[in-house]
Amino acid sequence: MKIITVADVRALLTPLNLAQLDRLSTLSGVSIHALYKIRQGQTADPGIGTVGKFLPHVREAKRRRSVFAAAGR
């Protein structure tokens, strides 16, 4: 299992627009402000508890996008 770095986390959050960050905030319970600061690099070292709340939702969304892309949708 690969250990995720802060750079990895930012790379996952960077493509998300504000509406998507808002949805992620709602799903994960992490404030949109915190997500935005992590994405922008203003939070240099987000806590593992914070990342653990939103990371599964980001990974699931990414997995779903790749499934649809593979299906030609």
Protein backbone atom coordinates (compact mmCIF):
# COMPACT_ATOMS: atom_id res chain seq x y z
CA MET A 1 0.00 0.00 0.00
CA LYS A 2 1.40 3.36 -1.07
CA ILE A 3 1.71 6.09 1.51
CA ILE A 4 -0.02 9.20 0.23
CA THR A 5 1.93 12.45 0.35
CA VAL A 6 0.70 16.02 0.67
CA ALA A 7 1.58 16.48 -3.00
CA ASP A 8 -0.63 13.48 -3.86
CA VAL A 9 -3.51 14.96 -1.87
CA ARG A 10 -3.14 18.33 -3.61
CA ALA A 11 -3.02 16.61 -7.00
CA LEU A 12 -6.34 14.92 -6.23
CA LEU A 13 -7.96 18.18 -5.08
CA THR A 14 -6.56 20.49 -7.78
CA PRO A 15 -8.95 19.49 -10.60
CA LEU A 16 -12.01 20.06 -8.41
CA ASN A 17 -14.00 23.25 -8.89
CA LEU A 18 -15.68 25.08 -6.01
CA ALA A 19 -18.99 23.24 -6.47
CA GLN A 20 -17.15 19.92 -6.31
CA LEU A 21 -15.21 21.03 -3.23
CA ASP A 22 -18.51 22.02 -1.64
CA ARG A 23 -19.95 18.58 -2.37
CA LEU A 24 -16.82 16.93 -1.01
CA SER A 25 -17.16 19.06 2.11
CA THR A 26 -20.74 17.90 2.58
CA LEU A 27 -19.88 14.23 2.07
CA SER A 28 -16.78 14.22 4.25
CA GLY A 29 -17.59 16.68 7.01
CA VAL A 30 -14.41 18.64 6.28
CA SER A 31 -15.04 22.36 5.80
CA ILE A 32 -14.76 23.76 2.31
CA HIS A 33 -12.36 26.32 3.74
CA ALA A 34 -10.03 23.55 4.94
CA LEU A 35 -10.26 21.71 1.60
CA TYR A 36 -9.52 24.92 -0.32
CA LYS A 37 -6.50 25.70 1.89
CA ILE A 38 -5.11 22.20 1.39
CA ARG A 39 -5.65 22.45 -2.38
CA GLN A 40 -3.93 25.84 -2.54
CA GLY A 41 -0.98 24.72 -0.41
CA GLN A 42 -1.84 27.10 2.43
CA THR A 43 -2.06 24.10 4.77
CA ALA A 44 1.41 22.63 4.55
CA ASP A 45 0.71 19.44 6.48
CA PRO A 46 -2.97 18.49 6.77
CA GLY A 47 -3.72 16.06 9.57
CA ILE A 48 -4.23 12.40 8.83
CA GLY A 49 -7.69 12.58 10.39
CA THR A 50 -8.71 15.35 8.02
CA VAL A 51 -7.32 13.62 4.94
CA GLY A 52 -8.86 10.35 6.07
CA LYS A 53 -12.30 11.96 6.08
CA PHE A 54 -12.26 13.17 2.48
CA LEU A 55 -9.80 10.91 0.67
CA PRO A 56 -12.17 7.94 0.27
CA HIS A 57 -14.75 10.21 -1.40
CA VAL A 58 -12.17 11.66 -3.82
CA ARG A 59 -10.87 8.22 -4.71
CA GLU A 60 -14.37 6.87 -5.30
CA ALA A 61 -15.25 9.80 -7.57
CA LYS A 62 -12.01 9.31 -9.50
CA ARG A 63 -12.73 5.59 -9.86
CA ARG A 64 -16.23 6.29 -11.16
CA ARG A 65 -14.91 8.77 -13.74
CA SER A 66 -12.41 6.22 -15.03
CA VAL A 67 -15.12 3.54 -15.30
CA PHE A 68 -17.30 5.89 -17.35
CA ALA A 69 -14.36 6.93 -19.53
CA ALA A 70 -13.50 3.29 -20.19
CA ALA A 71 -17.11 2.64 -21.17
CA GLY A 72 -17.01 5.54 -23.64
CA ARG A 73 -19.42 7.77 -21.74
